[in-house]
N, C-alpha and C. Protein backbone atom coordinates (compact mmCIF):
# COMPACT_ATOMS: atom_id res chain seq x y z
N MET A 1 -26.11 -51.68 -16.38
CA MET A 1 -24.78 -51.86 -15.78
C MET A 1 -24.93 -52.27 -14.31
N LYS A 2 -24.19 -53.28 -13.95
CA LYS A 2 -24.24 -53.75 -12.58
C LYS A 2 -23.57 -52.74 -11.66
N THR A 3 -23.97 -52.82 -10.39
CA THR A 3 -23.43 -51.88 -9.40
C THR A 3 -21.93 -52.00 -9.28
N ASP A 4 -21.42 -53.23 -9.23
CA ASP A 4 -19.98 -53.45 -9.09
C ASP A 4 -19.22 -52.88 -10.28
N ASP A 5 -19.80 -53.05 -11.48
CA ASP A 5 -19.16 -52.51 -12.68
C ASP A 5 -19.15 -50.98 -12.66
N PHE A 6 -20.26 -50.39 -12.17
CA PHE A 6 -20.35 -48.94 -12.09
C PHE A 6 -19.32 -48.37 -11.11
N ILE A 7 -19.16 -49.01 -9.97
CA ILE A 7 -18.17 -48.58 -8.98
C ILE A 7 -16.76 -48.70 -9.55
N SER A 8 -16.51 -49.77 -10.28
CA SER A 8 -15.19 -49.96 -10.88
C SER A 8 -14.91 -48.89 -11.92
N LEU A 9 -15.96 -48.50 -12.67
CA LEU A 9 -15.81 -47.45 -13.68
C LEU A 9 -15.48 -46.12 -13.03
N LEU A 10 -16.16 -45.80 -11.92
CA LEU A 10 -15.91 -44.54 -11.23
C LEU A 10 -14.51 -44.50 -10.64
N ALA A 11 -14.02 -45.66 -10.22
CA ALA A 11 -12.72 -45.71 -9.56
C ALA A 11 -11.57 -45.77 -10.54
N THR A 12 -11.86 -45.96 -11.81
CA THR A 12 -10.80 -46.08 -12.81
C THR A 12 -10.07 -44.75 -12.98
N GLY A 13 -8.78 -44.79 -12.95
CA GLY A 13 -7.97 -43.60 -13.18
C GLY A 13 -7.88 -42.65 -12.01
N VAL A 14 -8.38 -43.03 -10.86
CA VAL A 14 -8.32 -42.17 -9.68
C VAL A 14 -6.90 -42.16 -9.12
N ALA A 15 -6.36 -40.97 -8.97
CA ALA A 15 -4.99 -40.83 -8.45
C ALA A 15 -5.05 -40.32 -7.02
N PRO A 16 -4.08 -40.69 -6.20
CA PRO A 16 -4.08 -40.20 -4.82
C PRO A 16 -3.88 -38.69 -4.76
N VAL A 17 -4.49 -38.06 -3.78
CA VAL A 17 -4.37 -36.62 -3.61
C VAL A 17 -3.02 -36.28 -2.98
N ASP A 18 -2.37 -35.29 -3.53
CA ASP A 18 -1.09 -34.85 -2.98
C ASP A 18 -1.35 -34.07 -1.69
N ARG A 19 -0.94 -34.64 -0.57
CA ARG A 19 -1.19 -34.01 0.72
C ARG A 19 -0.41 -32.70 0.90
N HIS A 20 0.62 -32.54 0.10
CA HIS A 20 1.47 -31.35 0.24
C HIS A 20 1.19 -30.33 -0.87
N ALA A 21 0.06 -30.48 -1.55
CA ALA A 21 -0.24 -29.58 -2.67
C ALA A 21 -0.35 -28.13 -2.21
N LEU A 22 -1.01 -27.91 -1.07
CA LEU A 22 -1.19 -26.54 -0.58
C LEU A 22 0.15 -25.89 -0.25
N ALA A 23 1.00 -26.62 0.47
CA ALA A 23 2.31 -26.08 0.84
C ALA A 23 3.16 -25.81 -0.39
N LYS A 24 3.10 -26.71 -1.37
CA LYS A 24 3.90 -26.54 -2.58
C LYS A 24 3.44 -25.32 -3.37
N ARG A 25 2.12 -25.18 -3.56
CA ARG A 25 1.62 -24.08 -4.37
C ARG A 25 1.90 -22.74 -3.71
N PHE A 26 1.67 -22.65 -2.41
CA PHE A 26 1.92 -21.37 -1.74
C PHE A 26 3.40 -21.11 -1.55
N GLY A 27 4.19 -22.18 -1.43
CA GLY A 27 5.64 -22.00 -1.38
C GLY A 27 6.14 -21.36 -2.66
N VAL A 28 5.65 -21.86 -3.79
CA VAL A 28 6.03 -21.29 -5.09
C VAL A 28 5.52 -19.86 -5.22
N ALA A 29 4.27 -19.63 -4.80
CA ALA A 29 3.67 -18.31 -4.93
C ALA A 29 4.41 -17.26 -4.11
N VAL A 30 4.75 -17.59 -2.86
CA VAL A 30 5.46 -16.63 -2.00
C VAL A 30 6.87 -16.40 -2.54
N LEU A 31 7.50 -17.42 -3.06
CA LEU A 31 8.84 -17.26 -3.63
C LEU A 31 8.79 -16.33 -4.84
N ILE A 32 7.81 -16.53 -5.71
CA ILE A 32 7.66 -15.65 -6.87
C ILE A 32 7.37 -14.22 -6.42
N ALA A 33 6.52 -14.08 -5.41
CA ALA A 33 6.18 -12.75 -4.90
C ALA A 33 7.41 -12.03 -4.37
N ALA A 34 8.21 -12.73 -3.58
CA ALA A 34 9.39 -12.12 -2.96
C ALA A 34 10.46 -11.80 -4.00
N VAL A 35 10.77 -12.78 -4.84
CA VAL A 35 11.82 -12.58 -5.84
C VAL A 35 11.38 -11.55 -6.87
N GLY A 36 10.13 -11.64 -7.33
CA GLY A 36 9.64 -10.69 -8.32
C GLY A 36 9.64 -9.27 -7.82
N ALA A 37 9.14 -9.06 -6.60
CA ALA A 37 9.11 -7.71 -6.03
C ALA A 37 10.52 -7.17 -5.82
N THR A 38 11.42 -8.01 -5.35
CA THR A 38 12.79 -7.57 -5.10
C THR A 38 13.51 -7.19 -6.40
N LEU A 39 13.31 -7.99 -7.44
CA LEU A 39 13.94 -7.69 -8.73
C LEU A 39 13.41 -6.39 -9.32
N ILE A 40 12.09 -6.21 -9.29
CA ILE A 40 11.51 -4.98 -9.83
C ILE A 40 11.99 -3.78 -9.03
N MET A 41 12.03 -3.93 -7.71
CA MET A 41 12.50 -2.84 -6.86
C MET A 41 13.95 -2.48 -7.19
N ALA A 42 14.80 -3.50 -7.31
CA ALA A 42 16.22 -3.24 -7.58
C ALA A 42 16.44 -2.63 -8.95
N LEU A 43 15.69 -3.08 -9.95
CA LEU A 43 15.88 -2.61 -11.32
C LEU A 43 15.26 -1.24 -11.57
N LEU A 44 14.07 -1.00 -11.03
CA LEU A 44 13.37 0.25 -11.31
C LEU A 44 13.59 1.34 -10.26
N LEU A 45 13.70 0.94 -9.01
CA LEU A 45 13.78 1.93 -7.93
C LEU A 45 15.18 2.02 -7.33
N GLY A 46 15.82 0.90 -7.17
CA GLY A 46 17.16 0.87 -6.58
C GLY A 46 17.13 0.68 -5.08
N ILE A 47 18.13 0.02 -4.58
CA ILE A 47 18.28 -0.18 -3.14
C ILE A 47 18.91 1.06 -2.51
N ARG A 48 18.39 1.48 -1.38
CA ARG A 48 18.93 2.69 -0.75
C ARG A 48 20.40 2.50 -0.41
N ARG A 49 21.18 3.55 -0.63
CA ARG A 49 22.63 3.46 -0.51
C ARG A 49 23.10 3.26 0.92
N ASP A 50 22.32 3.75 1.87
CA ASP A 50 22.74 3.64 3.27
C ASP A 50 22.08 2.45 3.97
N LEU A 51 21.70 1.43 3.20
CA LEU A 51 20.99 0.30 3.78
C LEU A 51 21.81 -0.38 4.87
N ALA A 52 23.10 -0.54 4.64
CA ALA A 52 23.94 -1.20 5.63
C ALA A 52 23.96 -0.43 6.95
N GLU A 53 23.89 0.89 6.87
CA GLU A 53 23.92 1.71 8.08
C GLU A 53 22.58 1.65 8.82
N VAL A 54 21.50 1.86 8.07
CA VAL A 54 20.18 1.89 8.73
C VAL A 54 19.78 0.51 9.23
N ALA A 55 20.35 -0.54 8.63
CA ALA A 55 20.03 -1.91 9.08
C ALA A 55 20.55 -2.17 10.49
N MET A 56 21.40 -1.28 10.98
CA MET A 56 21.93 -1.42 12.34
C MET A 56 21.05 -0.72 13.37
N THR A 57 19.97 -0.09 12.93
CA THR A 57 19.11 0.66 13.84
C THR A 57 17.82 -0.11 14.14
N PRO A 58 17.30 -0.01 15.35
CA PRO A 58 16.05 -0.71 15.70
C PRO A 58 14.86 -0.23 14.87
N ILE A 59 14.83 1.05 14.51
CA ILE A 59 13.67 1.59 13.80
C ILE A 59 13.53 0.94 12.42
N PHE A 60 14.65 0.55 11.80
CA PHE A 60 14.58 -0.12 10.50
C PHE A 60 13.89 -1.47 10.64
N TRP A 61 14.23 -2.19 11.70
CA TRP A 61 13.63 -3.51 11.89
C TRP A 61 12.18 -3.41 12.33
N ALA A 62 11.84 -2.28 12.95
CA ALA A 62 10.42 -2.03 13.25
C ALA A 62 9.66 -1.82 11.95
N LYS A 63 10.30 -1.13 11.01
CA LYS A 63 9.66 -0.93 9.70
C LYS A 63 9.48 -2.25 8.97
N ILE A 64 10.50 -3.12 9.04
CA ILE A 64 10.42 -4.44 8.42
C ILE A 64 9.33 -5.29 9.08
N ALA A 65 9.17 -5.12 10.38
CA ALA A 65 8.24 -5.97 11.14
C ALA A 65 6.80 -5.80 10.69
N LEU A 66 6.43 -4.58 10.27
CA LEU A 66 5.04 -4.35 9.86
C LEU A 66 4.62 -5.23 8.69
N PRO A 67 5.28 -5.14 7.52
CA PRO A 67 4.86 -6.03 6.42
C PRO A 67 5.13 -7.49 6.69
N LEU A 68 6.16 -7.79 7.48
CA LEU A 68 6.47 -9.19 7.77
C LEU A 68 5.35 -9.83 8.59
N CYS A 69 4.84 -9.13 9.59
CA CYS A 69 3.74 -9.65 10.40
C CYS A 69 2.46 -9.78 9.57
N LEU A 70 2.20 -8.77 8.73
CA LEU A 70 1.01 -8.83 7.88
C LEU A 70 1.12 -9.97 6.86
N MET A 71 2.32 -10.18 6.38
CA MET A 71 2.55 -11.29 5.45
C MET A 71 2.26 -12.63 6.12
N ALA A 72 2.74 -12.80 7.35
CA ALA A 72 2.49 -14.04 8.08
C ALA A 72 1.00 -14.24 8.35
N GLY A 73 0.32 -13.17 8.74
CA GLY A 73 -1.11 -13.27 9.00
C GLY A 73 -1.90 -13.57 7.74
N ALA A 74 -1.57 -12.88 6.64
CA ALA A 74 -2.28 -13.10 5.38
C ALA A 74 -2.04 -14.51 4.86
N LEU A 75 -0.81 -15.01 5.01
CA LEU A 75 -0.50 -16.37 4.55
C LEU A 75 -1.28 -17.39 5.37
N SER A 76 -1.36 -17.17 6.67
CA SER A 76 -2.10 -18.09 7.53
C SER A 76 -3.58 -18.16 7.15
N ILE A 77 -4.19 -17.01 6.96
CA ILE A 77 -5.62 -16.99 6.62
C ILE A 77 -5.86 -17.51 5.21
N THR A 78 -5.02 -17.11 4.26
CA THR A 78 -5.23 -17.50 2.87
C THR A 78 -5.10 -19.01 2.69
N THR A 79 -4.14 -19.62 3.36
CA THR A 79 -3.99 -21.07 3.23
C THR A 79 -5.17 -21.81 3.86
N ARG A 80 -5.77 -21.23 4.88
CA ARG A 80 -6.96 -21.84 5.47
C ARG A 80 -8.16 -21.70 4.53
N LEU A 81 -8.31 -20.52 3.94
CA LEU A 81 -9.43 -20.29 3.04
C LEU A 81 -9.29 -21.05 1.73
N ALA A 82 -8.08 -21.51 1.43
CA ALA A 82 -7.87 -22.27 0.19
C ALA A 82 -8.49 -23.66 0.26
N ARG A 83 -8.87 -24.10 1.47
CA ARG A 83 -9.47 -25.42 1.65
C ARG A 83 -10.96 -25.28 1.92
N PRO A 84 -11.79 -26.04 1.24
CA PRO A 84 -13.23 -25.90 1.42
C PRO A 84 -13.69 -26.27 2.82
N GLY A 85 -14.55 -25.44 3.36
CA GLY A 85 -15.12 -25.73 4.66
C GLY A 85 -14.25 -25.38 5.84
N VAL A 86 -13.05 -24.87 5.60
CA VAL A 86 -12.15 -24.49 6.69
C VAL A 86 -12.34 -23.01 7.01
N PRO A 87 -12.73 -22.66 8.22
CA PRO A 87 -12.95 -21.25 8.55
C PRO A 87 -11.63 -20.49 8.65
N ALA A 88 -11.73 -19.18 8.59
CA ALA A 88 -10.53 -18.34 8.71
C ALA A 88 -9.93 -18.45 10.09
N GLY A 89 -10.72 -18.85 11.07
CA GLY A 89 -10.22 -19.00 12.42
C GLY A 89 -9.92 -17.67 13.08
N ARG A 90 -9.01 -17.69 14.01
CA ARG A 90 -8.66 -16.48 14.74
C ARG A 90 -7.38 -15.83 14.23
N SER A 91 -6.99 -16.19 13.02
CA SER A 91 -5.76 -15.65 12.46
C SER A 91 -5.87 -14.16 12.15
N GLY A 92 -7.09 -13.64 12.19
CA GLY A 92 -7.27 -12.22 11.89
C GLY A 92 -6.49 -11.31 12.82
N TRP A 93 -6.23 -11.78 14.05
CA TRP A 93 -5.48 -10.94 14.98
C TRP A 93 -4.05 -10.75 14.52
N LEU A 94 -3.53 -11.67 13.70
CA LEU A 94 -2.20 -11.52 13.16
C LEU A 94 -2.11 -10.34 12.20
N ILE A 95 -3.25 -9.96 11.65
CA ILE A 95 -3.31 -8.79 10.78
C ILE A 95 -3.67 -7.55 11.58
N ALA A 96 -4.65 -7.69 12.46
CA ALA A 96 -5.11 -6.52 13.21
C ALA A 96 -4.06 -6.01 14.20
N ALA A 97 -3.33 -6.91 14.83
CA ALA A 97 -2.38 -6.51 15.87
C ALA A 97 -1.27 -5.61 15.36
N PRO A 98 -0.56 -5.96 14.28
CA PRO A 98 0.50 -5.06 13.81
C PRO A 98 -0.03 -3.72 13.31
N VAL A 99 -1.21 -3.74 12.69
CA VAL A 99 -1.80 -2.47 12.25
C VAL A 99 -2.12 -1.59 13.44
N ALA A 100 -2.73 -2.17 14.46
CA ALA A 100 -3.06 -1.41 15.67
C ALA A 100 -1.79 -0.89 16.34
N ALA A 101 -0.76 -1.72 16.40
CA ALA A 101 0.50 -1.31 17.04
C ALA A 101 1.13 -0.13 16.32
N VAL A 102 1.12 -0.16 15.00
CA VAL A 102 1.71 0.94 14.22
C VAL A 102 0.89 2.20 14.40
N TRP A 103 -0.43 2.08 14.41
CA TRP A 103 -1.27 3.27 14.59
C TRP A 103 -1.09 3.87 15.98
N VAL A 104 -1.00 3.03 17.00
CA VAL A 104 -0.79 3.53 18.36
C VAL A 104 0.56 4.23 18.45
N ALA A 105 1.60 3.59 17.93
CA ALA A 105 2.93 4.19 17.94
C ALA A 105 2.96 5.47 17.12
N GLY A 106 2.27 5.47 15.98
CA GLY A 106 2.22 6.67 15.14
C GLY A 106 1.53 7.82 15.84
N CYS A 107 0.44 7.53 16.53
CA CYS A 107 -0.26 8.58 17.28
C CYS A 107 0.61 9.14 18.39
N TYR A 108 1.36 8.29 19.05
CA TYR A 108 2.26 8.74 20.11
C TYR A 108 3.32 9.68 19.54
N VAL A 109 3.90 9.31 18.39
CA VAL A 109 4.92 10.15 17.75
C VAL A 109 4.33 11.49 17.35
N LEU A 110 3.13 11.48 16.81
CA LEU A 110 2.50 12.73 16.38
C LEU A 110 2.16 13.62 17.57
N MET A 111 1.69 13.05 18.65
CA MET A 111 1.36 13.85 19.83
C MET A 111 2.60 14.46 20.47
N ALA A 112 3.73 13.76 20.36
CA ALA A 112 4.97 14.25 20.96
C ALA A 112 5.67 15.28 20.08
N ALA A 113 5.28 15.35 18.81
CA ALA A 113 5.93 16.26 17.87
C ALA A 113 5.31 17.66 17.96
N PRO A 114 6.06 18.69 17.63
CA PRO A 114 5.50 20.04 17.55
C PRO A 114 4.40 20.13 16.50
N ASP A 115 3.48 21.03 16.68
CA ASP A 115 2.33 21.15 15.77
C ASP A 115 2.76 21.31 14.32
N GLY A 116 3.79 22.10 14.09
CA GLY A 116 4.20 22.38 12.73
C GLY A 116 4.89 21.22 12.02
N GLU A 117 5.24 20.18 12.74
CA GLU A 117 5.96 19.06 12.13
C GLU A 117 5.09 17.82 11.92
N ARG A 118 3.88 17.85 12.42
CA ARG A 118 3.05 16.64 12.38
C ARG A 118 2.68 16.23 10.96
N LEU A 119 2.28 17.18 10.15
CA LEU A 119 1.91 16.85 8.77
C LEU A 119 3.10 16.29 8.01
N ALA A 120 4.27 16.86 8.25
CA ALA A 120 5.48 16.39 7.57
C ALA A 120 5.81 14.95 7.97
N LEU A 121 5.53 14.59 9.22
CA LEU A 121 5.78 13.22 9.67
C LEU A 121 4.87 12.22 8.97
N VAL A 122 3.66 12.64 8.68
CA VAL A 122 2.71 11.75 7.99
C VAL A 122 3.03 11.65 6.50
N LEU A 123 3.33 12.78 5.89
CA LEU A 123 3.55 12.80 4.44
C LEU A 123 4.94 12.33 4.05
N GLY A 124 5.92 12.58 4.91
CA GLY A 124 7.29 12.24 4.54
C GLY A 124 7.70 12.98 3.29
N LYS A 125 8.55 12.34 2.48
CA LYS A 125 8.99 12.95 1.22
C LYS A 125 8.50 12.17 -0.01
N THR A 126 7.91 11.01 0.24
CA THR A 126 7.57 10.14 -0.90
C THR A 126 6.12 9.68 -0.88
N TRP A 127 5.24 10.40 -0.20
CA TRP A 127 3.86 9.93 -0.06
C TRP A 127 3.14 9.84 -1.40
N ARG A 128 3.56 10.64 -2.37
CA ARG A 128 2.88 10.62 -3.67
C ARG A 128 3.15 9.34 -4.45
N VAL A 129 4.29 8.72 -4.25
CA VAL A 129 4.67 7.55 -5.05
C VAL A 129 4.65 6.25 -4.26
N CYS A 130 4.66 6.33 -2.94
CA CYS A 130 4.78 5.12 -2.11
C CYS A 130 3.68 4.09 -2.39
N PRO A 131 2.40 4.43 -2.31
CA PRO A 131 1.36 3.42 -2.56
C PRO A 131 1.43 2.85 -3.97
N PHE A 132 1.73 3.71 -4.94
CA PHE A 132 1.85 3.24 -6.32
C PHE A 132 2.99 2.24 -6.47
N ASN A 133 4.13 2.54 -5.86
CA ASN A 133 5.28 1.65 -5.94
C ASN A 133 4.99 0.29 -5.32
N ILE A 134 4.33 0.30 -4.16
CA ILE A 134 3.99 -0.96 -3.51
C ILE A 134 3.02 -1.78 -4.37
N ALA A 135 2.03 -1.10 -4.93
CA ALA A 135 1.08 -1.79 -5.80
C ALA A 135 1.78 -2.39 -7.02
N LEU A 136 2.73 -1.64 -7.58
CA LEU A 136 3.48 -2.14 -8.73
C LEU A 136 4.30 -3.37 -8.36
N LEU A 137 4.98 -3.32 -7.24
CA LEU A 137 5.81 -4.45 -6.81
C LEU A 137 4.98 -5.68 -6.46
N SER A 138 3.72 -5.48 -6.17
CA SER A 138 2.86 -6.61 -5.77
C SER A 138 2.32 -7.41 -6.95
N VAL A 139 2.51 -6.91 -8.17
CA VAL A 139 1.91 -7.57 -9.34
C VAL A 139 2.37 -9.02 -9.51
N PRO A 140 3.68 -9.34 -9.49
CA PRO A 140 4.06 -10.76 -9.65
C PRO A 140 3.48 -11.64 -8.55
N GLY A 141 3.50 -11.16 -7.32
CA GLY A 141 2.95 -11.93 -6.22
C GLY A 141 1.45 -12.10 -6.33
N PHE A 142 0.76 -11.07 -6.78
CA PHE A 142 -0.69 -11.15 -6.92
C PHE A 142 -1.07 -12.25 -7.91
N VAL A 143 -0.40 -12.25 -9.05
CA VAL A 143 -0.68 -13.28 -10.07
C VAL A 143 -0.36 -14.67 -9.51
N ALA A 144 0.77 -14.79 -8.81
CA ALA A 144 1.19 -16.08 -8.29
C ALA A 144 0.24 -16.59 -7.20
N VAL A 145 -0.20 -15.71 -6.33
CA VAL A 145 -1.10 -16.12 -5.25
C VAL A 145 -2.47 -16.53 -5.82
N MET A 146 -2.96 -15.78 -6.80
CA MET A 146 -4.23 -16.16 -7.41
C MET A 146 -4.12 -17.50 -8.12
N TRP A 147 -2.95 -17.76 -8.71
CA TRP A 147 -2.71 -19.07 -9.33
C TRP A 147 -2.75 -20.17 -8.27
N ALA A 148 -2.12 -19.91 -7.12
CA ALA A 148 -2.11 -20.90 -6.05
C ALA A 148 -3.52 -21.19 -5.55
N LEU A 149 -4.31 -20.14 -5.35
CA LEU A 149 -5.69 -20.32 -4.88
C LEU A 149 -6.55 -21.01 -5.93
N LYS A 150 -6.35 -20.65 -7.19
CA LYS A 150 -7.17 -21.22 -8.26
C LYS A 150 -6.99 -22.73 -8.35
N GLY A 151 -5.80 -23.23 -8.05
CA GLY A 151 -5.54 -24.66 -8.14
C GLY A 151 -6.00 -25.44 -6.93
N LEU A 152 -6.56 -24.76 -5.94
CA LEU A 152 -7.07 -25.43 -4.75
C LEU A 152 -8.60 -25.35 -4.75
N ALA A 153 -9.23 -25.20 -3.62
CA ALA A 153 -10.69 -25.24 -3.61
C ALA A 153 -11.27 -24.24 -2.63
N PRO A 154 -11.00 -22.95 -2.79
CA PRO A 154 -11.61 -21.97 -1.89
C PRO A 154 -13.11 -21.86 -2.13
N THR A 155 -13.85 -21.60 -1.08
CA THR A 155 -15.29 -21.41 -1.22
C THR A 155 -15.71 -19.98 -0.88
N ARG A 156 -14.98 -19.32 -0.02
CA ARG A 156 -15.27 -17.92 0.30
C ARG A 156 -14.38 -17.06 -0.59
N LEU A 157 -14.83 -16.91 -1.83
CA LEU A 157 -13.96 -16.40 -2.89
C LEU A 157 -13.57 -14.94 -2.68
N ARG A 158 -14.48 -14.12 -2.23
CA ARG A 158 -14.15 -12.70 -2.05
C ARG A 158 -13.13 -12.51 -0.93
N LEU A 159 -13.34 -13.21 0.18
CA LEU A 159 -12.41 -13.10 1.30
C LEU A 159 -11.06 -13.70 0.94
N ALA A 160 -11.07 -14.83 0.25
CA ALA A 160 -9.81 -15.45 -0.18
C ALA A 160 -9.05 -14.54 -1.13
N GLY A 161 -9.78 -13.89 -2.03
CA GLY A 161 -9.13 -12.95 -2.94
C GLY A 161 -8.53 -11.77 -2.20
N ALA A 162 -9.23 -11.28 -1.18
CA ALA A 162 -8.73 -10.14 -0.40
C ALA A 162 -7.47 -10.52 0.37
N THR A 163 -7.50 -11.63 1.08
CA THR A 163 -6.33 -12.03 1.86
C THR A 163 -5.16 -12.41 0.95
N GLY A 164 -5.49 -12.97 -0.21
CA GLY A 164 -4.43 -13.26 -1.18
C GLY A 164 -3.79 -11.98 -1.69
N GLY A 165 -4.61 -10.95 -1.93
CA GLY A 165 -4.08 -9.66 -2.34
C GLY A 165 -3.22 -9.04 -1.25
N LEU A 166 -3.64 -9.18 0.01
CA LEU A 166 -2.84 -8.67 1.12
C LEU A 166 -1.52 -9.41 1.22
N LEU A 167 -1.54 -10.70 0.97
CA LEU A 167 -0.30 -11.48 0.99
C LEU A 167 0.67 -10.95 -0.05
N ALA A 168 0.17 -10.68 -1.25
CA ALA A 168 1.03 -10.13 -2.30
C ALA A 168 1.50 -8.73 -1.94
N GLY A 169 0.60 -7.90 -1.40
CA GLY A 169 0.96 -6.53 -1.06
C GLY A 169 1.97 -6.44 0.08
N SER A 170 1.80 -7.26 1.09
CA SER A 170 2.73 -7.23 2.23
C SER A 170 4.11 -7.76 1.82
N THR A 171 4.15 -8.76 0.95
CA THR A 171 5.44 -9.25 0.46
C THR A 171 6.13 -8.18 -0.36
N ALA A 172 5.36 -7.47 -1.18
CA ALA A 172 5.92 -6.37 -1.96
C ALA A 172 6.43 -5.25 -1.07
N THR A 173 5.72 -4.96 0.00
CA THR A 173 6.14 -3.91 0.94
C THR A 173 7.43 -4.29 1.63
N LEU A 174 7.57 -5.55 1.93
CA LEU A 174 8.80 -6.04 2.55
C LEU A 174 10.00 -5.75 1.65
N ALA A 175 9.84 -5.99 0.36
CA ALA A 175 10.91 -5.68 -0.60
C ALA A 175 11.09 -4.17 -0.74
N TYR A 176 9.98 -3.42 -0.69
CA TYR A 176 10.05 -1.97 -0.86
C TYR A 176 10.82 -1.31 0.28
N CYS A 177 10.81 -1.92 1.45
CA CYS A 177 11.55 -1.37 2.59
C CYS A 177 13.04 -1.24 2.30
N LEU A 178 13.54 -2.04 1.38
CA LEU A 178 14.96 -1.98 1.04
C LEU A 178 15.27 -0.75 0.19
N HIS A 179 14.24 -0.12 -0.33
CA HIS A 179 14.41 1.10 -1.13
C HIS A 179 13.94 2.35 -0.40
N CYS A 180 12.84 2.24 0.29
CA CYS A 180 12.16 3.41 0.86
C CYS A 180 13.03 4.13 1.89
N PRO A 181 13.18 5.45 1.76
CA PRO A 181 13.99 6.22 2.72
C PRO A 181 13.23 6.66 3.96
N GLU A 182 11.92 6.45 3.95
CA GLU A 182 11.10 6.95 5.06
C GLU A 182 11.30 6.11 6.31
N MET A 183 11.53 6.79 7.43
CA MET A 183 11.76 6.10 8.70
C MET A 183 10.78 6.55 9.77
N GLY A 184 9.71 7.20 9.37
CA GLY A 184 8.73 7.69 10.33
C GLY A 184 7.55 6.74 10.48
N ILE A 185 7.22 6.40 11.70
CA ILE A 185 6.12 5.47 11.96
C ILE A 185 4.79 6.00 11.43
N PRO A 186 4.45 7.28 11.58
CA PRO A 186 3.19 7.77 11.01
C PRO A 186 3.11 7.56 9.50
N PHE A 187 4.23 7.67 8.82
CA PHE A 187 4.25 7.45 7.38
C PHE A 187 3.87 6.00 7.05
N TRP A 188 4.48 5.05 7.76
CA TRP A 188 4.17 3.64 7.49
C TRP A 188 2.70 3.34 7.74
N GLY A 189 2.18 3.92 8.83
CA GLY A 189 0.79 3.65 9.20
C GLY A 189 -0.21 4.19 8.21
N ALA A 190 0.22 5.12 7.37
CA ALA A 190 -0.68 5.69 6.37
C ALA A 190 -0.40 5.11 4.99
N TRP A 191 0.80 5.32 4.47
CA TRP A 191 1.07 5.06 3.06
C TRP A 191 1.47 3.62 2.78
N TYR A 192 2.17 2.97 3.70
CA TYR A 192 2.46 1.54 3.51
C TYR A 192 1.15 0.76 3.50
N LEU A 193 0.28 1.07 4.45
CA LEU A 193 -0.99 0.35 4.52
C LEU A 193 -1.87 0.66 3.33
N LEU A 194 -1.83 1.90 2.84
CA LEU A 194 -2.61 2.23 1.64
C LEU A 194 -2.10 1.45 0.44
N GLY A 195 -0.77 1.34 0.31
CA GLY A 195 -0.21 0.56 -0.79
C GLY A 195 -0.63 -0.90 -0.73
N MET A 196 -0.65 -1.48 0.47
CA MET A 196 -1.08 -2.88 0.62
C MET A 196 -2.58 -3.03 0.42
N LEU A 197 -3.32 -1.95 0.67
CA LEU A 197 -4.77 -2.01 0.51
C LEU A 197 -5.17 -2.14 -0.96
N VAL A 198 -4.34 -1.63 -1.85
CA VAL A 198 -4.68 -1.67 -3.29
C VAL A 198 -4.84 -3.11 -3.78
N PRO A 199 -3.83 -3.98 -3.66
CA PRO A 199 -4.05 -5.36 -4.11
C PRO A 199 -5.09 -6.11 -3.28
N THR A 200 -5.27 -5.70 -2.02
CA THR A 200 -6.29 -6.34 -1.18
C THR A 200 -7.68 -6.08 -1.74
N VAL A 201 -7.95 -4.84 -2.08
CA VAL A 201 -9.26 -4.48 -2.65
C VAL A 201 -9.45 -5.12 -4.02
N ILE A 202 -8.41 -5.10 -4.84
CA ILE A 202 -8.51 -5.72 -6.16
C ILE A 202 -8.80 -7.22 -6.02
N GLY A 203 -8.12 -7.86 -5.09
CA GLY A 203 -8.36 -9.28 -4.86
C GLY A 203 -9.78 -9.57 -4.44
N ALA A 204 -10.34 -8.70 -3.58
CA ALA A 204 -11.72 -8.88 -3.14
C ALA A 204 -12.69 -8.69 -4.30
N LEU A 205 -12.38 -7.77 -5.18
CA LEU A 205 -13.29 -7.48 -6.30
C LEU A 205 -13.29 -8.58 -7.35
N ILE A 206 -12.11 -9.11 -7.68
CA ILE A 206 -12.03 -10.10 -8.75
C ILE A 206 -12.05 -11.53 -8.24
N GLY A 207 -11.94 -11.71 -6.92
CA GLY A 207 -11.92 -13.06 -6.37
C GLY A 207 -13.07 -13.95 -6.82
N PRO A 208 -14.33 -13.47 -6.70
CA PRO A 208 -15.46 -14.33 -7.11
C PRO A 208 -15.42 -14.73 -8.58
N ARG A 209 -14.80 -13.94 -9.42
CA ARG A 209 -14.74 -14.27 -10.84
C ARG A 209 -13.53 -15.15 -11.15
N VAL A 210 -12.39 -14.83 -10.60
CA VAL A 210 -11.14 -15.51 -10.94
C VAL A 210 -11.03 -16.87 -10.23
N LEU A 211 -11.54 -16.95 -8.99
CA LEU A 211 -11.31 -18.15 -8.19
C LEU A 211 -12.45 -19.16 -8.23
N LYS A 212 -13.50 -18.87 -8.97
CA LYS A 212 -14.63 -19.81 -8.99
C LYS A 212 -14.21 -21.12 -9.64
N TRP A 213 -14.85 -22.20 -9.19
CA TRP A 213 -14.51 -23.52 -9.70
C TRP A 213 -15.75 -24.39 -9.78
């Protein structure tokens, strides 16, 4: 076979690459994560009855800010890792900063509280079910994010799986805030983060197997 014929054969049927494939896939994944978590929360757990009242308080929006910031950070890193040869960059501070802020604020609240009330501030009233509920709500998003990553070309599979799991977990936590009655910063710093850690760890464990290409 002549060289020109071989080149023509290789070029046959080649379609242009969709430059917006990454945005489209992650747009769909985040939408599924948000809608799926919200529907499961509303159907199984229910929206807190005083949501309209607490939504007028700064502490409620501080609670919303934690998963929202983690979601933005996880989305930034995951979309970078979805492309081969693209480093995670410095987006890690988008994840570390809100966690550090909540822990610092939580420590301040605990130090200012009487000794007998500190444990109650950490445990709240729902510590036994909070991480489980967040992990449950993250299931649709976890599947959707892994689908989005699988259709692209990640090379750091374990890290991509972990950040993808965090993206699903933080989106689920955002929806869970509409149900959760806990308003204590120490509680969020412990149990919200533990709930988000579950899909993050699972993503890291199964990433090399599920995302390989």
